[in-house]
Amino acid sequence: MDMANETSIPKFSYPGLYSIRVSGKIQKDLLEYFQGIEKSVVEVNDTGNSITHLAINIRDQAELIGLLNMLYEWQHVLISVKLGENYSTV
C-alpha cells in the first residue's frame, strides 16, 4: 500500500466543503432547507437544460448521503460530487 496516497483519502466522519452539481433548478424554498450552503448557481447549458451548482459545507458522510437522497427524492439527476473543491473551479 502506498502511504503517500493513503494520506490524501478523506476521513469518514470529517466535515468538508463539497461541490455538487444536479440537473434542473432547485426551488428556493427547498434550498432554504439545507444549512451550510455557501453558494448556489443555476446555469443553462447549450441544450437549454438547467444545472444547479451547490457549494455546501457538510458535517460528515451521513449528512452527505441525506442530502443526496433528498435531491434524488426531488428528482434531480446527480451530475457530480467533489470534496474540497473551490466553487470557482467547478
C-alpha atoms as a PDB file:
ATOM      1  CA  MET A   1       0.000   0.000   0.000  1.00  0.00           C
ATOM      2  CA  ASP A   2       1.350   3.422  -0.970  1.00  0.00           C
ATOM      3  CA  MET A   3       1.388   5.594   2.174  1.00  0.00           C
ATOM      4  CA  ALA A   4       1.507   8.836   0.151  1.00  0.00           C
ATOM      5  CA  ASN A   5      -1.887   8.079  -1.399  1.00  0.00           C
ATOM      6  CA  GLU A   6      -3.341   6.959   1.930  1.00  0.00           C
ATOM      7  CA  THR A   7      -2.877  10.419   3.489  1.00  0.00           C
ATOM      8  CA  SER A   8      -4.956  12.072   0.753  1.00  0.00           C
ATOM      9  CA  ILE A   9      -8.065   9.987   1.459  1.00  0.00           C
ATOM     10  CA  PRO A  10     -10.658  11.986   3.452  1.00  0.00           C
ATOM     11  CA  LYS A  11     -11.782  10.701   6.826  1.00  0.00           C
ATOM     12  CA  PHE A  12     -15.242   9.132   7.035  1.00  0.00           C
ATOM     13  CA  SER A  13     -16.679  11.408   9.716  1.00  0.00           C
ATOM     14  CA  TYR A  14     -14.906  14.707   8.994  1.00  0.00           C
ATOM     15  CA  PRO A  15     -16.550  17.870   7.639  1.00  0.00           C
ATOM     16  CA  GLY A  16     -15.751  19.291   4.241  1.00  0.00           C
ATOM     17  CA  LEU A  17     -16.783  21.724   1.547  1.00  0.00           C
ATOM     18  CA  TYR A  18     -18.499  19.833  -1.278  1.00  0.00           C
ATOM     19  CA  SER A  19     -19.270  20.925  -4.803  1.00  0.00           C
ATOM     20  CA  ILE A  20     -22.451  19.236  -6.005  1.00  0.00           C
ATOM     21  CA  ARG A  21     -23.981  19.520  -9.480  1.00  0.00           C
ATOM     22  CA  VAL A  22     -27.502  18.303 -10.289  1.00  0.00           C
ATOM     23  CA  SER A  23     -29.894  18.637 -13.197  1.00  0.00           C
ATOM     24  CA  GLY A  24     -32.633  21.213 -13.017  1.00  0.00           C
ATOM     25  CA  LYS A  25     -33.220  24.219 -10.825  1.00  0.00           C
ATOM     26  CA  ILE A  26     -33.673  23.578  -7.107  1.00  0.00           C
ATOM     27  CA  GLN A  27     -36.544  25.684  -5.801  1.00  0.00           C
ATOM     28  CA  LYS A  28     -35.621  28.441  -3.338  1.00  0.00           C
ATOM     29  CA  ASP A  29     -37.772  27.030  -0.528  1.00  0.00           C
ATOM     30  CA  LEU A  30     -36.030  23.661  -0.871  1.00  0.00           C
ATOM     31  CA  LEU A  31     -32.599  25.334  -0.783  1.00  0.00           C
ATOM     32  CA  GLU A  32     -33.555  27.031   2.478  1.00  0.00           C
ATOM     33  CA  TYR A  33     -33.965  23.554   3.990  1.00  0.00           C
ATOM     34  CA  PHE A  34     -30.200  22.987   3.749  1.00  0.00           C
ATOM     35  CA  GLN A  35     -27.771  24.530   6.195  1.00  0.00           C
ATOM     36  CA  GLY A  36     -24.221  25.298   5.139  1.00  0.00           C
ATOM     37  CA  ILE A  37     -24.831  26.383   1.547  1.00  0.00           C
ATOM     38  CA  GLU A  38     -22.121  28.848   0.618  1.00  0.00           C
ATOM     39  CA  LYS A  39     -23.168  29.312  -2.982  1.00  0.00           C
ATOM     40  CA  SER A  40     -25.925  28.180  -5.321  1.00  0.00           C
ATOM     41  CA  VAL A  41     -25.808  28.953  -9.033  1.00  0.00           C
ATOM     42  CA  VAL A  42     -28.081  27.816 -11.844  1.00  0.00           C
ATOM     43  CA  GLU A  43     -26.765  27.800 -15.385  1.00  0.00           C
ATOM     44  CA  VAL A  44     -28.331  26.750 -18.659  1.00  0.00           C
ATOM     45  CA  ASN A  45     -26.255  24.501 -20.912  1.00  0.00           C
ATOM     46  CA  ASP A  46     -26.119  24.502 -24.725  1.00  0.00           C
ATOM     47  CA  THR A  47     -29.178  22.252 -24.987  1.00  0.00           C
ATOM     48  CA  GLY A  48     -31.289  24.558 -22.795  1.00  0.00           C
ATOM     49  CA  ASN A  49     -31.232  22.348 -19.706  1.00  0.00           C
ATOM     50  CA  SER A  50     -30.694  23.897 -16.261  1.00  0.00           C
ATOM     51  CA  ILE A  51     -27.895  22.692 -13.990  1.00  0.00           C
ATOM     52  CA  THR A  52     -27.647  23.708 -10.331  1.00  0.00           C
ATOM     53  CA  HIS A  53     -24.202  24.024  -8.757  1.00  0.00           C
ATOM     54  CA  LEU A  54     -24.056  23.943  -4.948  1.00  0.00           C
ATOM     55  CA  ALA A  55     -21.083  24.712  -2.734  1.00  0.00           C
ATOM     56  CA  ILE A  56     -22.063  23.372   0.662  1.00  0.00           C
ATOM     57  CA  ASN A  57     -20.376  22.584   3.975  1.00  0.00           C
ATOM     58  CA  ILE A  58     -21.189  19.022   5.002  1.00  0.00           C
ATOM     59  CA  ARG A  59     -20.523  17.743   8.551  1.00  0.00           C
ATOM     60  CA  ASP A  60     -19.932  14.091   7.682  1.00  0.00           C
ATOM     61  CA  GLN A  61     -20.764  11.287   5.272  1.00  0.00           C
ATOM     62  CA  ALA A  62     -24.172  10.684   6.876  1.00  0.00           C
ATOM     63  CA  GLU A  63     -25.224  14.269   6.163  1.00  0.00           C
ATOM     64  CA  LEU A  64     -23.901  13.971   2.601  1.00  0.00           C
ATOM     65  CA  ILE A  65     -25.948  10.821   1.979  1.00  0.00           C
ATOM     66  CA  GLY A  66     -29.022  12.509   3.460  1.00  0.00           C
ATOM     67  CA  LEU A  67     -28.604  15.480   1.115  1.00  0.00           C
ATOM     68  CA  LEU A  68     -28.088  13.238  -1.929  1.00  0.00           C
ATOM     69  CA  ASN A  69     -31.160  11.189  -1.006  1.00  0.00           C
ATOM     70  CA  MET A  70     -33.265  14.350  -0.746  1.00  0.00           C
ATOM     71  CA  LEU A  71     -32.066  15.564  -4.140  1.00  0.00           C
ATOM     72  CA  TYR A  72     -32.992  12.137  -5.520  1.00  0.00           C
ATOM     73  CA  GLU A  73     -36.464  12.339  -3.973  1.00  0.00           C
ATOM     74  CA  TRP A  74     -36.910  15.752  -5.594  1.00  0.00           C
ATOM     75  CA  GLN A  75     -35.992  14.077  -8.929  1.00  0.00           C
ATOM     76  CA  HIS A  76     -32.718  15.901  -9.567  1.00  0.00           C
ATOM     77  CA  VAL A  77     -30.215  13.815 -11.519  1.00  0.00           C
ATOM     78  CA  LEU A  78     -26.812  13.799  -9.807  1.00  0.00           C
ATOM     79  CA  ILE A  79     -24.099  15.017 -12.182  1.00  0.00           C
ATOM     80  CA  SER A  80     -21.103  15.282  -9.859  1.00  0.00           C
ATOM     81  CA  VAL A  81     -19.940  15.433  -6.241  1.00  0.00           C
ATOM     82  CA  LYS A  82     -16.457  16.721  -5.386  1.00  0.00           C
ATOM     83  CA  LEU A  83     -14.874  17.168  -1.977  1.00  0.00           C
ATOM     84  CA  GLY A  84     -12.672  20.131  -1.185  1.00  0.00           C
ATOM     85  CA  GLU A  85     -13.215  21.940  -4.438  1.00  0.00           C
ATOM     86  CA  ASN A  86     -13.223  25.708  -4.547  1.00  0.00           C
ATOM     87  CA  TYR A  87     -16.532  26.679  -6.136  1.00  0.00           C
ATOM     88  CA  SER A  88     -14.858  28.946  -8.687  1.00  0.00           C
ATOM     89  CA  THR A  89     -13.052  25.940 -10.206  1.00  0.00           C
ATOM     90  CA  VAL A  90     -16.233  23.924 -10.822  1.00  0.00           C
END
